[in-house]
Amino acid sequence: RHQLTELRGRVDSDGARAQLWTRQEDLLRGELRFAEEKQAAVLKELDEARATRRQAEAEVKRQAEATARNEAELQGQLRWYQTALEEQQQLVQQLHSNPPVPPRQGVSAQQGEAIVAARCGAR
């Protein structure tokens, strides 16, 4: 009878250990699921952050290209205006060094313009 009681005690003890083991295993599996869910959420957030960065980089590149085109166009306009200004300055200098012929009797306005154009080298 004593052996039977001892055997029951061992069985109960083994059962309690098995229950404890099962509970610990369930807890660990729950923690593992939680960690996997958190990992998936972080990976999704990381993918979104990378996509946002790529979009921002593409927008910056597009704006830089548009700015470069605008700058090139403005430089072209500046060169055109500088050339026009230089031509006007040359015409003014020619006009000062070769003053126009005062109107004379018998010279038409067209003839006077032709004389001025010839002296200034106008085209």
Foldseek 3Di string as FASTA:
>chain_A
DVVVVVVVVVVVVVVVVVVVVVVVVVVVVVVVVVVVVVVVVVVVVVVVVVVVVVVVVVVVVVVVVVVVVVVVVVVVVVVVVVVVVVVVVLLVVLCVVPPFDPDDPPADPVNSVVRVCVSSVND
